[in-house]
Amino acid sequence: MRKHHKYFICSLLIILILVVGAVTFFYERNQPQHSKLQNLPTLMIGDWVVRLGTINDSRWISNLGKSEYSHIGMIVQLHPKILVVHATTDDGESASNQVIVSELERFLSPELAQKGAIIRPMFLNQKQKQQIAAFVLNQRGKSFILSSKDEPHLYCTTLLSDSIVQFHPSFKPKWNYISAPFFKGEYLFPQAFVDYPDVKMIYQVDY
């Protein structure tokens, strides 16, 4: 009788351990993957933030535009939290298909980014950066429009480029001509910002 009782207790303990382990695994797996960005440099209003996203659309954008990154935004606030304005279809937040404001740590979190970087446009002075950031922030809530250069458009790269041109008219990033199903014409990819003259990559993260 004692022997059966001992086996019964051991079986219960094993089952309990397995259940607790399974619950812990699924809980951790489904938690938002926010990670503290390590060793951030001193950031500035107007810095650009790029990432290679984790969804299929991001890989498609990267391949189509021969771009190392698939998405870009601009830092518009440093305190109390670092905020990034960007035009997106869906970042898992309450708003979608529009210009939104996200915390930098979410923008570059493993949930949304395979890797990312922060780029400083050295060709802009501080006054211009402040003006551009304010202009970009004022676009918050506007609808996301993915169209070619010769049509009305508002997606991540054009949000920045059209805003920069307002205060630095000579800004001319390289557009790529695309001929693919449902997409034909000139489109602007994040690589045009990475490769633009007189910019400095000040931070990189790779998961």
N, C-alpha and C. Protein backbone atom coordinates (compact mmCIF):
# COMPACT_ATOMS: atom_id res chain seq x y z
N MET A 1 0.84 -1.21 0.00
CA MET A 1 0.00 0.00 0.00
C MET A 1 0.87 1.26 0.00
N ARG A 2 1.91 1.22 0.86
CA ARG A 2 2.82 2.36 0.91
C ARG A 2 3.53 2.56 -0.42
N LYS A 3 3.85 1.41 -1.06
CA LYS A 3 4.55 1.48 -2.34
C LYS A 3 3.69 2.17 -3.39
N HIS A 4 2.40 1.79 -3.45
CA HIS A 4 1.48 2.42 -4.40
C HIS A 4 1.30 3.90 -4.09
N HIS A 5 1.24 4.20 -2.79
CA HIS A 5 1.09 5.60 -2.38
C HIS A 5 2.30 6.44 -2.83
N LYS A 6 3.48 5.84 -2.71
CA LYS A 6 4.71 6.53 -3.11
C LYS A 6 4.71 6.80 -4.62
N TYR A 7 4.30 5.77 -5.40
CA TYR A 7 4.24 5.95 -6.86
C TYR A 7 3.21 7.01 -7.24
N PHE A 8 2.11 7.04 -6.50
CA PHE A 8 1.05 8.01 -6.78
C PHE A 8 1.55 9.44 -6.56
N ILE A 9 2.27 9.64 -5.43
CA ILE A 9 2.82 10.96 -5.12
C ILE A 9 3.84 11.38 -6.18
N CYS A 10 4.71 10.45 -6.56
CA CYS A 10 5.73 10.75 -7.58
C CYS A 10 5.08 11.12 -8.91
N SER A 11 4.03 10.38 -9.27
CA SER A 11 3.33 10.65 -10.53
C SER A 11 2.71 12.04 -10.51
N LEU A 12 2.10 12.40 -9.37
CA LEU A 12 1.50 13.73 -9.24
C LEU A 12 2.55 14.83 -9.37
N LEU A 13 3.70 14.61 -8.75
CA LEU A 13 4.78 15.61 -8.82
C LEU A 13 5.27 15.79 -10.26
N ILE A 14 5.42 14.67 -10.97
CA ILE A 14 5.88 14.73 -12.36
C ILE A 14 4.87 15.49 -13.22
N ILE A 15 3.58 15.16 -13.03
CA ILE A 15 2.53 15.84 -13.80
C ILE A 15 2.51 17.33 -13.48
N LEU A 16 2.67 17.67 -12.20
CA LEU A 16 2.67 19.07 -11.78
C LEU A 16 3.83 19.83 -12.41
N ILE A 17 5.01 19.20 -12.42
CA ILE A 17 6.20 19.83 -13.03
C ILE A 17 5.98 20.07 -14.52
N LEU A 18 5.40 19.07 -15.21
CA LEU A 18 5.15 19.20 -16.64
C LEU A 18 4.14 20.30 -16.93
N VAL A 19 3.08 20.36 -16.11
CA VAL A 19 2.04 21.38 -16.31
C VAL A 19 2.61 22.78 -16.09
N VAL A 20 3.36 22.95 -15.00
CA VAL A 20 3.96 24.26 -14.70
C VAL A 20 4.93 24.66 -15.80
N GLY A 21 5.72 23.70 -16.28
CA GLY A 21 6.67 23.99 -17.36
C GLY A 21 5.97 24.42 -18.63
N ALA A 22 4.88 23.71 -18.97
CA ALA A 22 4.13 24.04 -20.19
C ALA A 22 3.49 25.42 -20.09
N VAL A 23 2.89 25.71 -18.94
CA VAL A 23 2.25 27.02 -18.73
C VAL A 23 3.28 28.13 -18.82
N THR A 24 4.43 27.93 -18.19
CA THR A 24 5.50 28.94 -18.22
C THR A 24 5.99 29.17 -19.64
N PHE A 25 6.16 28.07 -20.39
CA PHE A 25 6.64 28.17 -21.78
C PHE A 25 5.69 28.99 -22.63
N PHE A 26 4.40 28.65 -22.58
CA PHE A 26 3.43 29.36 -23.42
C PHE A 26 3.22 30.80 -22.96
N TYR A 27 3.34 31.04 -21.66
CA TYR A 27 3.20 32.41 -21.15
C TYR A 27 4.33 33.28 -21.67
N GLU A 28 5.56 32.78 -21.55
CA GLU A 28 6.72 33.56 -21.99
C GLU A 28 6.72 33.73 -23.50
N ARG A 29 6.26 32.70 -24.20
CA ARG A 29 6.24 32.76 -25.66
C ARG A 29 5.28 33.82 -26.17
N ASN A 30 4.19 34.03 -25.43
CA ASN A 30 3.17 34.97 -25.88
C ASN A 30 3.31 36.36 -25.29
N GLN A 31 4.35 36.59 -24.51
CA GLN A 31 4.59 37.93 -23.99
C GLN A 31 5.24 38.80 -25.05
N PRO A 32 4.90 40.11 -25.12
CA PRO A 32 5.57 41.01 -26.05
C PRO A 32 7.07 40.99 -25.81
N GLN A 33 7.83 40.88 -26.90
CA GLN A 33 9.28 40.74 -26.76
C GLN A 33 9.96 42.11 -26.75
N HIS A 34 9.74 42.83 -25.68
CA HIS A 34 10.41 44.12 -25.53
C HIS A 34 11.77 43.88 -24.88
N SER A 35 12.79 44.38 -25.49
CA SER A 35 14.11 44.24 -24.89
C SER A 35 14.71 45.62 -24.70
N LYS A 36 15.41 45.77 -23.62
CA LYS A 36 16.05 47.05 -23.35
C LYS A 36 17.19 47.23 -24.33
N LEU A 37 17.15 48.32 -25.08
CA LEU A 37 18.22 48.59 -26.03
C LEU A 37 19.48 48.94 -25.25
N GLN A 38 20.56 48.25 -25.56
CA GLN A 38 21.79 48.39 -24.80
C GLN A 38 22.71 49.45 -25.41
N ASN A 39 23.35 50.22 -24.53
CA ASN A 39 24.41 51.15 -24.93
C ASN A 39 23.98 52.13 -26.03
N LEU A 40 22.80 52.68 -25.87
CA LEU A 40 22.35 53.69 -26.83
C LEU A 40 23.25 54.92 -26.76
N PRO A 41 23.61 55.49 -27.90
CA PRO A 41 24.39 56.73 -27.88
C PRO A 41 23.47 57.90 -27.53
N THR A 42 24.03 59.07 -27.45
CA THR A 42 23.21 60.27 -27.26
C THR A 42 22.43 60.52 -28.55
N LEU A 43 21.12 60.46 -28.44
CA LEU A 43 20.28 60.62 -29.62
C LEU A 43 19.86 62.07 -29.79
N MET A 44 19.37 62.37 -30.99
CA MET A 44 18.93 63.73 -31.30
C MET A 44 17.58 63.68 -31.99
N ILE A 45 16.80 64.73 -31.78
CA ILE A 45 15.57 64.89 -32.55
C ILE A 45 15.95 64.91 -34.03
N GLY A 46 15.20 64.18 -34.84
CA GLY A 46 15.48 64.15 -36.27
C GLY A 46 16.32 62.97 -36.72
N ASP A 47 16.86 62.17 -35.78
CA ASP A 47 17.57 60.96 -36.17
C ASP A 47 16.60 60.00 -36.85
N TRP A 48 17.11 59.23 -37.81
CA TRP A 48 16.30 58.24 -38.50
C TRP A 48 16.48 56.87 -37.85
N VAL A 49 15.41 56.09 -37.81
CA VAL A 49 15.48 54.74 -37.26
C VAL A 49 14.98 53.76 -38.32
N VAL A 50 15.81 52.78 -38.65
CA VAL A 50 15.44 51.78 -39.66
C VAL A 50 15.42 50.40 -39.03
N ARG A 51 14.65 49.52 -39.64
CA ARG A 51 14.61 48.13 -39.18
C ARG A 51 14.29 47.20 -40.34
N LEU A 52 14.71 45.95 -40.20
CA LEU A 52 14.26 44.88 -41.09
C LEU A 52 13.20 44.13 -40.31
N GLY A 53 11.96 44.20 -40.79
CA GLY A 53 10.84 43.63 -40.04
C GLY A 53 10.83 42.12 -40.00
N THR A 54 9.92 41.58 -39.22
CA THR A 54 9.85 40.14 -38.99
C THR A 54 8.74 39.46 -39.79
N ILE A 55 7.90 40.22 -40.48
CA ILE A 55 6.80 39.61 -41.22
C ILE A 55 7.16 39.44 -42.69
N ASN A 56 6.35 38.67 -43.41
CA ASN A 56 6.64 38.38 -44.82
C ASN A 56 6.69 39.64 -45.68
N ASP A 57 5.81 40.61 -45.38
CA ASP A 57 5.81 41.86 -46.15
C ASP A 57 7.16 42.55 -46.07
N SER A 58 7.79 42.47 -44.92
CA SER A 58 9.10 43.11 -44.73
C SER A 58 10.16 42.47 -45.62
N ARG A 59 10.15 41.15 -45.67
CA ARG A 59 11.10 40.45 -46.53
C ARG A 59 10.84 40.76 -48.00
N TRP A 60 9.57 40.88 -48.35
CA TRP A 60 9.20 41.21 -49.73
C TRP A 60 9.71 42.61 -50.09
N ILE A 61 9.50 43.57 -49.20
CA ILE A 61 9.97 44.94 -49.43
C ILE A 61 11.49 44.97 -49.55
N SER A 62 12.16 44.26 -48.66
CA SER A 62 13.62 44.22 -48.66
C SER A 62 14.15 43.63 -49.97
N ASN A 63 13.55 42.54 -50.42
CA ASN A 63 14.01 41.90 -51.66
C ASN A 63 13.68 42.73 -52.88
N LEU A 64 12.48 43.27 -52.91
CA LEU A 64 12.04 44.05 -54.07
C LEU A 64 12.89 45.30 -54.27
N GLY A 65 13.22 45.95 -53.16
CA GLY A 65 13.98 47.19 -53.25
C GLY A 65 15.47 47.02 -53.04
N LYS A 66 15.91 45.74 -52.95
CA LYS A 66 17.32 45.46 -52.67
C LYS A 66 17.79 46.31 -51.48
N SER A 67 16.96 46.30 -50.46
CA SER A 67 17.18 47.15 -49.29
C SER A 67 17.50 46.30 -48.07
N GLU A 68 18.52 46.69 -47.34
CA GLU A 68 18.90 45.96 -46.13
C GLU A 68 17.82 46.07 -45.06
N TYR A 69 17.08 47.17 -45.10
CA TYR A 69 16.01 47.41 -44.12
C TYR A 69 14.68 47.59 -44.85
N SER A 70 13.60 47.36 -44.14
CA SER A 70 12.27 47.41 -44.76
C SER A 70 11.39 48.54 -44.24
N HIS A 71 11.83 49.23 -43.19
CA HIS A 71 10.97 50.25 -42.58
C HIS A 71 11.82 51.36 -41.97
N ILE A 72 11.25 52.57 -41.94
CA ILE A 72 12.00 53.71 -41.40
C ILE A 72 11.05 54.66 -40.68
N GLY A 73 11.57 55.31 -39.65
CA GLY A 73 10.82 56.33 -38.92
C GLY A 73 11.78 57.42 -38.46
N MET A 74 11.25 58.39 -37.75
CA MET A 74 12.08 59.51 -37.28
C MET A 74 11.84 59.76 -35.80
N ILE A 75 12.91 60.01 -35.07
CA ILE A 75 12.81 60.33 -33.65
C ILE A 75 12.30 61.76 -33.50
N VAL A 76 11.21 61.91 -32.74
CA VAL A 76 10.60 63.24 -32.58
C VAL A 76 10.57 63.69 -31.12
N GLN A 77 10.92 62.79 -30.21
CA GLN A 77 10.93 63.14 -28.78
C GLN A 77 11.98 62.29 -28.07
N LEU A 78 12.68 62.91 -27.11
CA LEU A 78 13.72 62.21 -26.36
C LEU A 78 13.33 61.94 -24.91
N HIS A 79 12.52 62.82 -24.33
CA HIS A 79 12.14 62.70 -22.91
C HIS A 79 10.64 62.94 -22.75
N PRO A 80 9.97 62.24 -21.84
CA PRO A 80 10.52 61.22 -20.93
C PRO A 80 10.78 59.88 -21.62
N LYS A 81 10.17 59.69 -22.79
CA LYS A 81 10.43 58.48 -23.57
C LYS A 81 10.86 58.87 -24.97
N ILE A 82 11.66 58.00 -25.59
CA ILE A 82 12.10 58.24 -26.96
C ILE A 82 11.00 57.77 -27.90
N LEU A 83 10.46 58.70 -28.69
CA LEU A 83 9.34 58.39 -29.57
C LEU A 83 9.73 58.50 -31.04
N VAL A 84 9.16 57.61 -31.83
CA VAL A 84 9.42 57.54 -33.27
C VAL A 84 8.11 57.69 -34.02
N VAL A 85 8.09 58.57 -35.01
CA VAL A 85 6.92 58.71 -35.89
C VAL A 85 7.20 57.93 -37.16
N HIS A 86 6.22 57.15 -37.60
CA HIS A 86 6.39 56.37 -38.83
C HIS A 86 5.03 56.04 -39.42
N ALA A 87 5.02 55.80 -40.73
CA ALA A 87 3.79 55.41 -41.43
C ALA A 87 3.83 53.90 -41.62
N THR A 88 2.80 53.21 -41.15
CA THR A 88 2.82 51.75 -41.16
C THR A 88 1.44 51.18 -41.43
N THR A 89 1.42 49.94 -41.92
CA THR A 89 0.15 49.25 -42.11
C THR A 89 -0.35 48.67 -40.79
N ASP A 90 0.58 48.07 -40.03
CA ASP A 90 0.18 47.46 -38.76
C ASP A 90 1.41 47.16 -37.92
N ASP A 91 1.49 47.76 -36.75
CA ASP A 91 2.59 47.49 -35.83
C ASP A 91 2.08 46.79 -34.58
N GLY A 92 0.89 46.21 -34.69
CA GLY A 92 0.32 45.54 -33.53
C GLY A 92 -0.20 46.49 -32.48
N GLU A 93 -0.40 47.74 -32.86
CA GLU A 93 -0.92 48.73 -31.93
C GLU A 93 -2.39 49.01 -32.26
N SER A 94 -2.99 49.93 -31.54
CA SER A 94 -4.42 50.18 -31.72
C SER A 94 -4.74 50.76 -33.09
N ALA A 95 -3.81 51.53 -33.65
CA ALA A 95 -4.03 52.15 -34.95
C ALA A 95 -3.31 51.37 -36.04
N SER A 96 -3.87 51.36 -37.24
CA SER A 96 -3.23 50.69 -38.37
C SER A 96 -3.46 51.50 -39.64
N ASN A 97 -2.62 51.24 -40.65
CA ASN A 97 -2.72 51.92 -41.94
C ASN A 97 -2.72 53.44 -41.81
N GLN A 98 -1.79 53.93 -41.01
CA GLN A 98 -1.69 55.38 -40.84
C GLN A 98 -0.35 55.76 -40.22
N VAL A 99 -0.14 57.05 -40.08
CA VAL A 99 1.06 57.56 -39.41
C VAL A 99 0.83 57.47 -37.91
N ILE A 100 1.75 56.80 -37.22
CA ILE A 100 1.60 56.60 -35.78
C ILE A 100 2.88 57.00 -35.04
N VAL A 101 2.77 57.05 -33.73
CA VAL A 101 3.91 57.33 -32.85
C VAL A 101 4.16 56.09 -32.00
N SER A 102 5.40 55.61 -32.00
CA SER A 102 5.77 54.42 -31.23
C SER A 102 6.98 54.72 -30.36
N GLU A 103 7.09 54.00 -29.26
CA GLU A 103 8.31 54.09 -28.46
C GLU A 103 9.44 53.41 -29.21
N LEU A 104 10.63 53.97 -29.09
CA LEU A 104 11.79 53.42 -29.80
C LEU A 104 12.00 51.95 -29.45
N GLU A 105 11.84 51.59 -28.18
CA GLU A 105 12.08 50.21 -27.78
C GLU A 105 11.10 49.25 -28.44
N ARG A 106 9.89 49.70 -28.71
CA ARG A 106 8.96 48.84 -29.43
C ARG A 106 9.32 48.79 -30.92
N PHE A 107 9.65 49.93 -31.48
CA PHE A 107 10.00 50.00 -32.90
C PHE A 107 11.15 49.03 -33.23
N LEU A 108 12.12 48.93 -32.31
CA LEU A 108 13.28 48.06 -32.53
C LEU A 108 13.24 46.78 -31.69
N SER A 109 12.06 46.39 -31.24
CA SER A 109 11.95 45.18 -30.42
C SER A 109 12.08 43.93 -31.29
N PRO A 110 12.52 42.80 -30.72
CA PRO A 110 12.62 41.55 -31.49
C PRO A 110 11.28 41.10 -32.07
N GLU A 111 10.20 41.55 -31.47
CA GLU A 111 8.87 41.21 -31.99
C GLU A 111 8.66 41.81 -33.38
N LEU A 112 9.26 42.97 -33.63
CA LEU A 112 9.03 43.69 -34.88
C LEU A 112 10.26 43.80 -35.77
N ALA A 113 11.44 43.55 -35.21
CA ALA A 113 12.67 43.78 -35.96
C ALA A 113 13.62 42.59 -35.88
N GLN A 114 14.14 42.18 -37.04
CA GLN A 114 15.23 41.21 -37.05
C GLN A 114 16.54 41.93 -36.72
N LYS A 115 16.62 43.15 -37.19
CA LYS A 115 17.76 44.01 -36.89
C LYS A 115 17.34 45.45 -37.13
N GLY A 116 18.15 46.38 -36.66
CA GLY A 116 17.80 47.78 -36.83
C GLY A 116 19.01 48.68 -36.68
N ALA A 117 18.80 49.96 -36.94
CA ALA A 117 19.89 50.92 -36.84
C ALA A 117 19.31 52.32 -36.65
N ILE A 118 20.15 53.20 -36.12
CA ILE A 118 19.80 54.61 -35.99
C ILE A 118 20.81 55.40 -36.81
N ILE A 119 20.30 56.28 -37.66
CA ILE A 119 21.13 57.02 -38.60
C ILE A 119 20.96 58.52 -38.37
N ARG A 120 22.07 59.23 -38.38
CA ARG A 120 22.02 60.68 -38.18
C ARG A 120 22.28 61.40 -39.49
N PRO A 121 21.33 62.22 -39.95
CA PRO A 121 21.54 63.01 -41.17
C PRO A 121 22.42 64.22 -40.87
N MET A 122 23.69 64.11 -41.20
CA MET A 122 24.66 65.16 -40.86
C MET A 122 24.48 66.41 -41.72
N PHE A 123 23.78 66.28 -42.85
CA PHE A 123 23.62 67.40 -43.77
C PHE A 123 22.55 68.39 -43.30
N LEU A 124 21.83 68.02 -42.23
CA LEU A 124 20.81 68.92 -41.67
C LEU A 124 21.33 69.58 -40.40
N ASN A 125 21.03 70.87 -40.22
CA ASN A 125 21.41 71.51 -38.96
C ASN A 125 20.31 71.27 -37.92
N GLN A 126 20.60 71.65 -36.70
CA GLN A 126 19.68 71.33 -35.61
C GLN A 126 18.32 72.01 -35.77
N LYS A 127 18.32 73.24 -36.27
CA LYS A 127 17.05 73.93 -36.47
C LYS A 127 16.20 73.20 -37.51
N GLN A 128 16.83 72.77 -38.60
CA GLN A 128 16.10 72.03 -39.63
C GLN A 128 15.54 70.72 -39.07
N LYS A 129 16.33 70.03 -38.26
CA LYS A 129 15.87 68.76 -37.68
C LYS A 129 14.65 68.97 -36.80
N GLN A 130 14.68 70.03 -36.00
CA GLN A 130 13.54 70.33 -35.14
C GLN A 130 12.30 70.65 -35.97
N GLN A 131 12.49 71.43 -37.02
CA GLN A 131 11.37 71.80 -37.89
C GLN A 131 10.79 70.58 -38.60
N ILE A 132 11.67 69.73 -39.10
CA ILE A 132 11.24 68.53 -39.82
C ILE A 132 10.51 67.58 -38.88
N ALA A 133 11.06 67.39 -37.68
CA ALA A 133 10.43 66.49 -36.71
C ALA A 133 9.03 66.97 -36.34
N ALA A 134 8.88 68.28 -36.17
CA ALA A 134 7.57 68.85 -35.85
C ALA A 134 6.60 68.65 -37.01
N PHE A 135 7.11 68.80 -38.22
CA PHE A 135 6.29 68.62 -39.42
C PHE A 135 5.84 67.16 -39.54
N VAL A 136 6.78 66.24 -39.31
CA VAL A 136 6.47 64.80 -39.37
C VAL A 136 5.42 64.44 -38.31
N LEU A 137 5.61 64.93 -37.11
CA LEU A 137 4.68 64.64 -36.02
C LEU A 137 3.28 65.14 -36.35
N ASN A 138 3.21 66.23 -37.08
CA ASN A 138 1.92 66.82 -37.44
C ASN A 138 1.15 65.95 -38.45
N GLN A 139 1.84 64.96 -39.04
CA GLN A 139 1.19 64.05 -39.99
C GLN A 139 0.50 62.87 -39.28
N ARG A 140 0.63 62.82 -37.98
CA ARG A 140 0.06 61.71 -37.20
C ARG A 140 -1.43 61.53 -37.51
N GLY A 141 -1.81 60.28 -37.77
CA GLY A 141 -3.20 59.97 -38.05
C GLY A 141 -3.55 59.97 -39.52
N LYS A 142 -2.67 60.49 -40.38
CA LYS A 142 -2.95 60.49 -41.81
C LYS A 142 -2.86 59.07 -42.37
N SER A 143 -3.65 58.79 -43.38
CA SER A 143 -3.76 57.44 -43.92
C SER A 143 -2.51 57.00 -44.67
N PHE A 144 -2.17 55.74 -44.51
CA PHE A 144 -1.07 55.10 -45.23
C PHE A 144 -1.49 54.90 -46.68
N ILE A 145 -0.66 55.38 -47.62
CA ILE A 145 -0.97 55.23 -49.05
C ILE A 145 0.28 54.73 -49.76
N LEU A 146 0.23 53.49 -50.24
CA LEU A 146 1.37 52.93 -50.97
C LEU A 146 1.11 53.07 -52.46
N SER A 147 1.70 54.10 -53.05
CA SER A 147 1.54 54.37 -54.49
C SER A 147 2.87 54.85 -55.05
N SER A 148 2.97 54.85 -56.36
CA SER A 148 4.21 55.24 -57.02
C SER A 148 4.44 56.75 -56.90
N LYS A 149 5.62 57.17 -57.32
CA LYS A 149 6.06 58.56 -57.15
C LYS A 149 5.12 59.56 -57.81
N ASP A 150 4.54 59.19 -58.95
CA ASP A 150 3.70 60.14 -59.69
C ASP A 150 2.24 60.14 -59.24
N GLU A 151 1.94 59.43 -58.15
CA GLU A 151 0.59 59.41 -57.61
C GLU A 151 0.63 59.83 -56.14
N PRO A 152 -0.51 60.24 -55.57
CA PRO A 152 -0.52 60.57 -54.13
C PRO A 152 -0.01 59.38 -53.32
N HIS A 153 0.89 59.63 -52.38
CA HIS A 153 1.49 58.54 -51.61
C HIS A 153 1.83 59.02 -50.20
N LEU A 154 1.82 58.09 -49.29
CA LEU A 154 2.26 58.36 -47.92
C LEU A 154 2.57 57.02 -47.26
N TYR A 155 3.83 56.62 -47.38
CA TYR A 155 4.30 55.42 -46.68
C TYR A 155 5.58 55.80 -45.95
N CYS A 156 6.23 54.84 -45.32
CA CYS A 156 7.27 55.19 -44.35
C CYS A 156 8.36 56.10 -44.90
N THR A 157 8.87 55.79 -46.08
CA THR A 157 9.97 56.59 -46.63
C THR A 157 9.50 57.94 -47.15
N THR A 158 8.33 57.97 -47.78
CA THR A 158 7.87 59.25 -48.33
C THR A 158 7.40 60.20 -47.24
N LEU A 159 6.94 59.65 -46.11
CA LEU A 159 6.62 60.50 -44.97
C LEU A 159 7.84 61.33 -44.60
N LEU A 160 9.01 60.67 -44.54
CA LEU A 160 10.23 61.38 -44.17
C LEU A 160 10.73 62.27 -45.29
N SER A 161 10.80 61.73 -46.50
CA SER A 161 11.40 62.50 -47.61
C SER A 161 10.59 63.75 -47.93
N ASP A 162 9.26 63.62 -47.97
CA ASP A 162 8.43 64.78 -48.28
C ASP A 162 8.50 65.83 -47.17
N SER A 163 8.74 65.38 -45.95
CA SER A 163 8.87 66.32 -44.83
C SER A 163 10.23 67.02 -44.86
N ILE A 164 11.27 66.26 -45.16
CA ILE A 164 12.62 66.83 -45.21
C ILE A 164 12.72 67.89 -46.31
N VAL A 165 12.11 67.61 -47.45
CA VAL A 165 12.17 68.54 -48.59
C VAL A 165 11.55 69.89 -48.25
N GLN A 166 10.61 69.90 -47.33
CA GLN A 166 9.98 71.17 -46.94
C GLN A 166 11.00 72.16 -46.38
N PHE A 167 12.05 71.64 -45.75
CA PHE A 167 13.03 72.51 -45.08
C PHE A 167 14.44 72.35 -45.65
N HIS A 168 14.61 71.36 -46.52
CA HIS A 168 15.90 71.16 -47.19
C HIS A 168 15.60 70.71 -48.63
N PRO A 169 15.24 71.68 -49.49
CA PRO A 169 14.75 71.37 -50.84
C PRO A 169 15.69 70.53 -51.70
N SER A 170 16.98 70.54 -51.40
CA SER A 170 17.93 69.79 -52.23
C SER A 170 17.99 68.30 -51.88
N PHE A 171 17.20 67.88 -50.90
CA PHE A 171 17.20 66.46 -50.52
C PHE A 171 16.58 65.63 -51.64
N LYS A 172 17.37 64.73 -52.21
CA LYS A 172 16.89 63.92 -53.34
C LYS A 172 17.36 62.48 -53.20
N PRO A 173 16.68 61.69 -52.39
CA PRO A 173 17.04 60.27 -52.27
C PRO A 173 16.71 59.53 -53.57
N LYS A 174 17.38 58.43 -53.79
CA LYS A 174 17.20 57.66 -55.03
C LYS A 174 15.95 56.79 -54.98
N TRP A 175 15.09 56.96 -55.98
CA TRP A 175 13.90 56.13 -56.12
C TRP A 175 14.22 54.93 -57.00
N ASN A 176 13.55 53.81 -56.75
CA ASN A 176 13.75 52.59 -57.55
C ASN A 176 12.54 52.35 -58.45
N TYR A 177 12.82 52.02 -59.70
CA TYR A 177 11.71 51.65 -60.60
C TYR A 177 11.38 50.18 -60.38
N ILE A 178 10.11 49.90 -60.12
CA ILE A 178 9.65 48.54 -59.85
C ILE A 178 8.61 48.14 -60.88
N SER A 179 8.75 46.93 -61.40
CA SER A 179 7.74 46.37 -62.29
C SER A 179 7.40 44.98 -61.77
N ALA A 180 6.33 44.92 -61.01
CA ALA A 180 5.91 43.66 -60.38
C ALA A 180 4.39 43.64 -60.35
N PRO A 181 3.80 42.45 -60.14
CA PRO A 181 2.33 42.38 -60.06
C PRO A 181 1.79 43.37 -59.02
N PHE A 182 0.86 44.20 -59.45
CA PHE A 182 0.20 45.20 -58.61
C PHE A 182 1.09 46.40 -58.27
N PHE A 183 2.36 46.37 -58.65
CA PHE A 183 3.25 47.49 -58.36
C PHE A 183 4.09 47.80 -59.59
N LYS A 184 3.89 49.01 -60.11
CA LYS A 184 4.69 49.43 -61.25
C LYS A 184 4.93 50.93 -61.16
N GLY A 185 6.18 51.31 -61.23
CA GLY A 185 6.53 52.72 -61.13
C GLY A 185 7.71 52.91 -60.21
N GLU A 186 7.96 54.15 -59.82
CA GLU A 186 9.07 54.47 -58.94
C GLU A 186 8.62 54.46 -57.48
N TYR A 187 9.38 53.75 -56.66
CA TYR A 187 9.09 53.67 -55.23
C TYR A 187 10.36 53.99 -54.45
N LEU A 188 10.16 54.48 -53.23
CA LEU A 188 11.29 54.88 -52.38
C LEU A 188 11.46 53.86 -51.26
N PHE A 189 12.67 53.30 -51.15
CA PHE A 189 12.95 52.28 -50.15
C PHE A 189 13.91 52.82 -49.08
N PRO A 190 13.91 52.21 -47.89
CA PRO A 190 14.79 52.69 -46.81
C PRO A 190 16.27 52.73 -47.18
N GLN A 191 16.70 51.87 -48.10
CA GLN A 191 18.11 51.85 -48.47
C GLN A 191 18.57 53.19 -49.03
N ALA A 192 17.64 53.94 -49.63
CA ALA A 192 17.99 55.26 -50.16
C ALA A 192 18.44 56.21 -49.06
N PHE A 193 17.92 56.01 -47.85
CA PHE A 193 18.31 56.83 -46.70
C PHE A 193 19.64 56.34 -46.13
N VAL A 194 19.80 55.02 -46.08
CA VAL A 194 21.05 54.44 -45.58
C VAL A 194 22.23 54.87 -46.45
N ASP A 195 22.01 54.91 -47.76
CA ASP A 195 23.09 55.22 -48.71
C ASP A 195 23.24 56.70 -49.01
N TYR A 196 22.38 57.53 -48.43
CA TYR A 196 22.41 58.95 -48.76
C TYR A 196 23.73 59.58 -48.29
N PRO A 197 24.29 60.50 -49.09
CA PRO A 197 25.56 61.14 -48.69
C PRO A 197 25.44 61.91 -47.37
N ASP A 198 26.52 61.94 -46.64
CA ASP A 198 26.64 62.72 -45.41
C ASP A 198 25.62 62.29 -44.34
N VAL A 199 25.50 60.98 -44.15
CA VAL A 199 24.74 60.45 -43.02
C VAL A 199 25.68 59.55 -42.22
N LYS A 200 25.35 59.35 -40.95
CA LYS A 200 26.22 58.56 -40.07
C LYS A 200 25.39 57.54 -39.29
N MET A 201 25.75 56.28 -39.41
CA MET A 201 25.08 55.24 -38.64
C MET A 201 25.67 55.25 -37.23
N ILE A 202 24.85 55.59 -36.24
CA ILE A 202 25.37 55.76 -34.89
C ILE A 202 25.01 54.61 -33.95
N TYR A 203 24.15 53.70 -34.42
CA TYR A 203 23.74 52.59 -33.55
C TYR A 203 23.20 51.46 -34.41
N GLN A 204 23.53 50.23 -34.02
CA GLN A 204 23.00 49.05 -34.70
C GLN A 204 22.61 47.99 -33.68
N VAL A 205 21.56 47.25 -34.00
CA VAL A 205 21.13 46.13 -33.16
C VAL A 205 20.76 44.99 -34.09
N ASP A 206 21.16 43.78 -33.71
CA ASP A 206 20.90 42.60 -34.54
C ASP A 206 20.50 41.45 -33.63
N TYR A 207 19.29 40.92 -33.85
CA TYR A 207 18.79 39.83 -33.02
C TYR A 207 19.06 38.47 -33.65
